[in-house]
Amino acid sequence: MQTPLSQERINTIDLVRGLVMVIMALDHTRDFFHADALLYSPTDLDKTTPLVFFTRWITHFCAPAFVFLAGTSAFISGSKKTTQALSRYLLTRGLWLVFLELVVLRAFLFFQLLL
């Protein structure tokens, strides 16, 4: 049996990061499926509902939380690797994400490759 200190990943970080992604996904789908999304701002208190306002308001904390947790994960990963190994890992991961954005997501969203 593993002790919590010997685990490869910290489950709480993954759980909070997943929660942040779910909240952001709800807000992004609201932009596409909410009937009045293009007519008024979800933070306009005269026209919005409390639930729509809250989901939009809470998303202001999601991006900083996600970036903080990504940095925390990189720090924890860096404490187990050499500086060179960590730099190589983060660089290849960043390049992989750029590739996915420019090629895969662009192909699915806009039906075209690259720029």
C-alpha atoms as a PDB file:
ATOM      1  CA  MET A   1       0.000   0.000   0.000  1.00  0.00           C
ATOM      2  CA  GLN A   2       1.307   3.428  -0.904  1.00  0.00           C
ATOM      3  CA  THR A   3       1.424   6.273   1.554  1.00  0.00           C
ATOM      4  CA  PRO A   4       0.098   9.668   0.394  1.00  0.00           C
ATOM      5  CA  LEU A   5       3.642  11.036   0.242  1.00  0.00           C
ATOM      6  CA  SER A   6       4.827   8.343  -2.151  1.00  0.00           C
ATOM      7  CA  GLN A   7       2.010   8.776  -4.668  1.00  0.00           C
ATOM      8  CA  GLU A   8       3.021   9.748  -8.169  1.00  0.00           C
ATOM      9  CA  ARG A   9       0.260  12.377  -8.446  1.00  0.00           C
ATOM     10  CA  ILE A  10      -1.580  14.517  -5.935  1.00  0.00           C
ATOM     11  CA  ASN A  11      -5.247  13.748  -6.507  1.00  0.00           C
ATOM     12  CA  THR A  12      -6.489  17.006  -4.992  1.00  0.00           C
ATOM     13  CA  ILE A  13      -4.713  19.075  -7.645  1.00  0.00           C
ATOM     14  CA  ASP A  14      -6.282  16.984 -10.399  1.00  0.00           C
ATOM     15  CA  LEU A  15      -9.695  17.184  -8.738  1.00  0.00           C
ATOM     16  CA  VAL A  16      -9.653  20.981  -8.438  1.00  0.00           C
ATOM     17  CA  ARG A  17      -8.277  21.373 -11.965  1.00  0.00           C
ATOM     18  CA  GLY A  18     -11.085  19.126 -13.259  1.00  0.00           C
ATOM     19  CA  LEU A  19     -13.684  21.149 -11.344  1.00  0.00           C
ATOM     20  CA  VAL A  20     -12.325  24.346 -12.879  1.00  0.00           C
ATOM     21  CA  MET A  21     -12.575  22.812 -16.363  1.00  0.00           C
ATOM     22  CA  VAL A  22     -16.187  21.750 -15.758  1.00  0.00           C
ATOM     23  CA  ILE A  23     -17.153  25.259 -14.606  1.00  0.00           C
ATOM     24  CA  MET A  24     -15.453  26.806 -17.632  1.00  0.00           C
ATOM     25  CA  ALA A  25     -17.161  24.310 -19.951  1.00  0.00           C
ATOM     26  CA  LEU A  26     -20.546  25.265 -18.485  1.00  0.00           C
ATOM     27  CA  ASP A  27     -19.826  28.943 -19.080  1.00  0.00           C
ATOM     28  CA  HIS A  28     -18.626  28.362 -22.633  1.00  0.00           C
ATOM     29  CA  THR A  29     -21.653  26.267 -23.515  1.00  0.00           C
ATOM     30  CA  ARG A  30     -23.875  29.021 -22.128  1.00  0.00           C
ATOM     31  CA  ASP A  31     -22.479  31.281 -24.841  1.00  0.00           C
ATOM     32  CA  PHE A  32     -23.723  28.871 -27.512  1.00  0.00           C
ATOM     33  CA  PHE A  33     -26.980  27.556 -26.051  1.00  0.00           C
ATOM     34  CA  HIS A  34     -28.421  30.338 -23.883  1.00  0.00           C
ATOM     35  CA  ALA A  35     -31.232  32.023 -25.782  1.00  0.00           C
ATOM     36  CA  ASP A  36     -30.245  35.584 -24.832  1.00  0.00           C
ATOM     37  CA  ALA A  37     -26.455  35.154 -24.808  1.00  0.00           C
ATOM     38  CA  LEU A  38     -25.948  37.643 -27.632  1.00  0.00           C
ATOM     39  CA  LEU A  39     -28.534  40.152 -26.436  1.00  0.00           C
ATOM     40  CA  TYR A  40     -27.110  41.125 -23.044  1.00  0.00           C
ATOM     41  CA  SER A  41     -24.175  40.543 -20.774  1.00  0.00           C
ATOM     42  CA  PRO A  42     -24.603  37.778 -18.197  1.00  0.00           C
ATOM     43  CA  THR A  43     -23.309  40.228 -15.589  1.00  0.00           C
ATOM     44  CA  ASP A  44     -26.054  42.806 -16.331  1.00  0.00           C
ATOM     45  CA  LEU A  45     -28.045  42.582 -13.114  1.00  0.00           C
ATOM     46  CA  ASP A  46     -31.161  44.119 -14.676  1.00  0.00           C
ATOM     47  CA  LYS A  47     -31.587  41.346 -17.251  1.00  0.00           C
ATOM     48  CA  THR A  48     -29.846  38.208 -16.009  1.00  0.00           C
ATOM     49  CA  THR A  49     -30.898  35.443 -13.664  1.00  0.00           C
ATOM     50  CA  PRO A  50     -28.986  34.621 -10.469  1.00  0.00           C
ATOM     51  CA  LEU A  51     -27.778  31.277 -11.861  1.00  0.00           C
ATOM     52  CA  VAL A  52     -26.476  32.770 -15.119  1.00  0.00           C
ATOM     53  CA  PHE A  53     -24.830  35.619 -13.217  1.00  0.00           C
ATOM     54  CA  PHE A  54     -23.177  33.234 -10.757  1.00  0.00           C
ATOM     55  CA  THR A  55     -21.805  30.915 -13.445  1.00  0.00           C
ATOM     56  CA  ARG A  56     -20.306  33.903 -15.260  1.00  0.00           C
ATOM     57  CA  TRP A  57     -18.991  35.485 -12.056  1.00  0.00           C
ATOM     58  CA  ILE A  58     -17.306  32.315 -10.796  1.00  0.00           C
ATOM     59  CA  THR A  59     -15.431  31.880 -14.094  1.00  0.00           C
ATOM     60  CA  HIS A  60     -13.375  34.976 -13.297  1.00  0.00           C
ATOM     61  CA  PHE A  61     -11.563  32.832 -10.728  1.00  0.00           C
ATOM     62  CA  CYS A  62     -11.135  29.809 -12.983  1.00  0.00           C
ATOM     63  CA  ALA A  63      -8.295  30.955 -15.247  1.00  0.00           C
ATOM     64  CA  PRO A  64      -6.051  32.143 -12.390  1.00  0.00           C
ATOM     65  CA  ALA A  65      -6.795  28.956 -10.452  1.00  0.00           C
ATOM     66  CA  PHE A  66      -5.998  26.783 -13.459  1.00  0.00           C
ATOM     67  CA  VAL A  67      -2.709  28.590 -14.132  1.00  0.00           C
ATOM     68  CA  PHE A  68      -1.789  28.430 -10.431  1.00  0.00           C
ATOM     69  CA  LEU A  69      -2.444  24.694 -10.346  1.00  0.00           C
ATOM     70  CA  ALA A  70      -0.448  24.166 -13.537  1.00  0.00           C
ATOM     71  CA  GLY A  71       2.456  26.049 -11.979  1.00  0.00           C
ATOM     72  CA  THR A  72       2.111  24.046  -8.794  1.00  0.00           C
ATOM     73  CA  SER A  73       2.215  20.821 -10.779  1.00  0.00           C
ATOM     74  CA  ALA A  74       5.289  22.017 -12.675  1.00  0.00           C
ATOM     75  CA  PHE A  75       6.990  22.919  -9.391  1.00  0.00           C
ATOM     76  CA  ILE A  76       6.229  19.539  -7.853  1.00  0.00           C
ATOM     77  CA  SER A  77       7.374  17.788 -11.014  1.00  0.00           C
ATOM     78  CA  GLY A  78      10.519  19.912 -11.005  1.00  0.00           C
ATOM     79  CA  SER A  79      11.381  18.867  -7.491  1.00  0.00           C
ATOM     80  CA  LYS A  80      11.680  15.280  -8.753  1.00  0.00           C
ATOM     81  CA  LYS A  81      13.671  16.052 -11.937  1.00  0.00           C
ATOM     82  CA  THR A  82      16.826  17.853 -12.888  1.00  0.00           C
ATOM     83  CA  THR A  83      16.529  21.362 -14.294  1.00  0.00           C
ATOM     84  CA  GLN A  84      17.467  20.127 -17.759  1.00  0.00           C
ATOM     85  CA  ALA A  85      14.924  17.293 -17.666  1.00  0.00           C
ATOM     86  CA  LEU A  86      12.182  19.635 -16.449  1.00  0.00           C
ATOM     87  CA  SER A  87      12.996  22.219 -19.132  1.00  0.00           C
ATOM     88  CA  ARG A  88      12.891  19.562 -21.832  1.00  0.00           C
ATOM     89  CA  TYR A  89       9.590  18.183 -20.512  1.00  0.00           C
ATOM     90  CA  LEU A  90       7.905  21.603 -20.308  1.00  0.00           C
ATOM     91  CA  LEU A  91       9.214  22.658 -23.726  1.00  0.00           C
ATOM     92  CA  THR A  92       8.029  19.492 -25.471  1.00  0.00           C
ATOM     93  CA  ARG A  93       4.686  19.708 -23.682  1.00  0.00           C
ATOM     94  CA  GLY A  94       4.266  23.336 -24.740  1.00  0.00           C
ATOM     95  CA  LEU A  95       5.159  22.542 -28.348  1.00  0.00           C
ATOM     96  CA  TRP A  96       2.713  19.634 -28.307  1.00  0.00           C
ATOM     97  CA  LEU A  97      -0.077  21.939 -27.070  1.00  0.00           C
ATOM     98  CA  VAL A  98       0.719  24.506 -29.767  1.00  0.00           C
ATOM     99  CA  PHE A  99       0.605  21.739 -32.385  1.00  0.00           C
ATOM    100  CA  LEU A 100      -2.757  20.527 -31.104  1.00  0.00           C
ATOM    101  CA  GLU A 101      -4.138  24.066 -31.177  1.00  0.00           C
ATOM    102  CA  LEU A 102      -2.910  24.947 -34.658  1.00  0.00           C
ATOM    103  CA  VAL A 103      -3.569  21.644 -36.401  1.00  0.00           C
ATOM    104  CA  VAL A 104      -6.101  19.484 -34.615  1.00  0.00           C
ATOM    105  CA  LEU A 105      -8.451  22.086 -33.108  1.00  0.00           C
ATOM    106  CA  ARG A 106      -8.301  24.304 -36.182  1.00  0.00           C
ATOM    107  CA  ALA A 107      -9.188  21.339 -38.373  1.00  0.00           C
ATOM    108  CA  PHE A 108     -12.192  20.457 -36.207  1.00  0.00           C
ATOM    109  CA  LEU A 109     -13.464  23.996 -35.636  1.00  0.00           C
ATOM    110  CA  PHE A 110     -12.770  25.735 -38.927  1.00  0.00           C
ATOM    111  CA  PHE A 111     -12.266  22.798 -41.306  1.00  0.00           C
ATOM    112  CA  GLN A 112      -8.880  24.120 -42.401  1.00  0.00           C
ATOM    113  CA  LEU A 113      -5.288  23.258 -41.569  1.00  0.00           C
ATOM    114  CA  LEU A 114      -2.834  25.773 -40.095  1.00  0.00           C
ATOM    115  CA  LEU A 115      -3.244  29.458 -40.759  1.00  0.00           C
END
